Amino acid sequence: MSANRAAAVFRLAAMSLSRTETALGAFYRRLSARIGKPQALTATARKLAILFYRVLKGELIYNDPGALAYDAQQQARSLRNL
């Protein structure tokens, strides 16, 4: 476990997100295929922490678009970058 309790909690939450049909779950699965599970877990935990902070601060009202919308957005980005 990490020395930072918040980091440990966000990692645990990111681990459970890996099995969901949410945009964050799709993000984790896409990254884990590309860079490996440990680094994808850290990246997803960081993304989750940033979203949590922005919601807590009142800057953002989070509405999950879902895994299908995330995948469509990634496909459009890939085609645009070609």
C-alpha atoms as a PDB file:
ATOM      1  CA  MET A   1       0.000   0.000   0.000  1.00  0.00           C
ATOM      2  CA  SER A   2       0.930   3.601  -0.464  1.00  0.00           C
ATOM      3  CA  ALA A   3       2.009   5.947   2.279  1.00  0.00           C
ATOM      4  CA  ASN A   4      -0.697   8.352   1.123  1.00  0.00           C
ATOM      5  CA  ARG A   5      -4.166   7.147   2.123  1.00  0.00           C
ATOM      6  CA  ALA A   6      -5.900   9.193  -0.582  1.00  0.00           C
ATOM      7  CA  ALA A   7      -3.686   7.604  -3.258  1.00  0.00           C
ATOM      8  CA  ALA A   8      -4.574   4.155  -1.962  1.00  0.00           C
ATOM      9  CA  VAL A   9      -8.298   4.950  -2.024  1.00  0.00           C
ATOM     10  CA  PHE A  10      -8.153   6.353  -5.560  1.00  0.00           C
ATOM     11  CA  ARG A  11      -6.188   3.315  -6.746  1.00  0.00           C
ATOM     12  CA  LEU A  12      -8.784   1.011  -5.209  1.00  0.00           C
ATOM     13  CA  ALA A  13     -11.572   2.973  -6.883  1.00  0.00           C
ATOM     14  CA  ALA A  14      -9.709   2.870 -10.208  1.00  0.00           C
ATOM     15  CA  MET A  15      -9.309  -0.888  -9.859  1.00  0.00           C
ATOM     16  CA  SER A  16     -13.054  -1.306  -9.447  1.00  0.00           C
ATOM     17  CA  LEU A  17     -13.695   1.038 -12.403  1.00  0.00           C
ATOM     18  CA  SER A  18     -11.851  -1.367 -14.668  1.00  0.00           C
ATOM     19  CA  ARG A  19     -14.881  -3.670 -14.715  1.00  0.00           C
ATOM     20  CA  THR A  20     -17.558  -1.038 -15.365  1.00  0.00           C
ATOM     21  CA  GLU A  21     -19.139   0.263 -18.562  1.00  0.00           C
ATOM     22  CA  THR A  22     -18.214   3.876 -17.845  1.00  0.00           C
ATOM     23  CA  ALA A  23     -15.936   6.288 -19.665  1.00  0.00           C
ATOM     24  CA  LEU A  24     -13.312   5.889 -16.937  1.00  0.00           C
ATOM     25  CA  GLY A  25     -13.529   2.113 -17.234  1.00  0.00           C
ATOM     26  CA  ALA A  26     -13.011   2.358 -20.993  1.00  0.00           C
ATOM     27  CA  PHE A  27     -10.079   4.733 -20.383  1.00  0.00           C
ATOM     28  CA  TYR A  28      -8.467   2.181 -18.055  1.00  0.00           C
ATOM     29  CA  ARG A  29      -8.975  -0.701 -20.481  1.00  0.00           C
ATOM     30  CA  ARG A  30      -7.573   1.277 -23.428  1.00  0.00           C
ATOM     31  CA  LEU A  31      -4.509   2.327 -21.429  1.00  0.00           C
ATOM     32  CA  SER A  32      -3.903  -1.091 -19.886  1.00  0.00           C
ATOM     33  CA  ALA A  33      -3.741  -2.656 -23.338  1.00  0.00           C
ATOM     34  CA  ARG A  34      -1.217  -0.055 -24.439  1.00  0.00           C
ATOM     35  CA  ILE A  35       1.045   0.614 -21.427  1.00  0.00           C
ATOM     36  CA  GLY A  36       0.258  -2.167 -18.954  1.00  0.00           C
ATOM     37  CA  LYS A  37      -2.017  -2.560 -15.974  1.00  0.00           C
ATOM     38  CA  PRO A  38       0.061  -0.923 -13.195  1.00  0.00           C
ATOM     39  CA  GLN A  39       0.651   2.300 -15.120  1.00  0.00           C
ATOM     40  CA  ALA A  40      -2.945   2.358 -16.374  1.00  0.00           C
ATOM     41  CA  LEU A  41      -4.154   1.972 -12.797  1.00  0.00           C
ATOM     42  CA  THR A  42      -2.059   4.961 -11.706  1.00  0.00           C
ATOM     43  CA  ALA A  43      -3.248   7.081 -14.640  1.00  0.00           C
ATOM     44  CA  THR A  44      -6.891   6.224 -13.983  1.00  0.00           C
ATOM     45  CA  ALA A  45      -6.508   6.966 -10.271  1.00  0.00           C
ATOM     46  CA  ARG A  46      -4.989  10.345 -11.142  1.00  0.00           C
ATOM     47  CA  LYS A  47      -7.807  11.136 -13.567  1.00  0.00           C
ATOM     48  CA  LEU A  48     -10.346  10.130 -10.923  1.00  0.00           C
ATOM     49  CA  ALA A  49      -8.622  12.309  -8.305  1.00  0.00           C
ATOM     50  CA  ILE A  50      -8.683  15.327 -10.633  1.00  0.00           C
ATOM     51  CA  LEU A  51     -12.383  14.789 -11.373  1.00  0.00           C
ATOM     52  CA  PHE A  52     -13.103  14.381  -7.655  1.00  0.00           C
ATOM     53  CA  TYR A  53     -11.258  17.613  -6.831  1.00  0.00           C
ATOM     54  CA  ARG A  54     -13.031  19.591  -9.555  1.00  0.00           C
ATOM     55  CA  VAL A  55     -16.441  18.326  -8.419  1.00  0.00           C
ATOM     56  CA  LEU A  56     -15.610  19.068  -4.785  1.00  0.00           C
ATOM     57  CA  LYS A  57     -14.446  22.563  -5.710  1.00  0.00           C
ATOM     58  CA  GLY A  58     -17.682  23.219  -7.609  1.00  0.00           C
ATOM     59  CA  GLU A  59     -16.105  23.685 -11.047  1.00  0.00           C
ATOM     60  CA  LEU A  60     -17.692  20.613 -12.579  1.00  0.00           C
ATOM     61  CA  ILE A  61     -20.928  18.669 -12.507  1.00  0.00           C
ATOM     62  CA  TYR A  62     -19.801  15.221 -13.636  1.00  0.00           C
ATOM     63  CA  ASN A  63     -22.060  13.342 -16.013  1.00  0.00           C
ATOM     64  CA  ASP A  64     -20.555  10.104 -17.256  1.00  0.00           C
ATOM     65  CA  PRO A  65     -20.968   9.746 -21.029  1.00  0.00           C
ATOM     66  CA  GLY A  66     -20.513   5.968 -20.910  1.00  0.00           C
ATOM     67  CA  ALA A  67     -18.031   3.608 -22.507  1.00  0.00           C
ATOM     68  CA  LEU A  68     -19.605   3.727 -25.969  1.00  0.00           C
ATOM     69  CA  ALA A  69     -19.382   7.507 -26.161  1.00  0.00           C
ATOM     70  CA  TYR A  70     -15.776   7.390 -24.941  1.00  0.00           C
ATOM     71  CA  ASP A  71     -14.853   4.782 -27.560  1.00  0.00           C
ATOM     72  CA  ALA A  72     -16.536   6.822 -30.315  1.00  0.00           C
ATOM     73  CA  GLN A  73     -14.636   9.918 -29.192  1.00  0.00           C
ATOM     74  CA  GLN A  74     -11.335   8.001 -29.253  1.00  0.00           C
ATOM     75  CA  GLN A  75     -12.061   6.622 -32.707  1.00  0.00           C
ATOM     76  CA  ALA A  76     -12.874  10.111 -34.020  1.00  0.00           C
ATOM     77  CA  ARG A  77      -9.652  11.435 -32.479  1.00  0.00           C
ATOM     78  CA  SER A  78      -7.630   8.643 -34.087  1.00  0.00           C
ATOM     79  CA  LEU A  79      -9.136   9.318 -37.503  1.00  0.00           C
ATOM     80  CA  ARG A  80      -8.529  13.051 -37.160  1.00  0.00           C
ATOM     81  CA  ASN A  81      -4.874  12.446 -36.254  1.00  0.00           C
ATOM     82  CA  LEU A  82      -4.227  10.282 -39.317  1.00  0.00           C
END
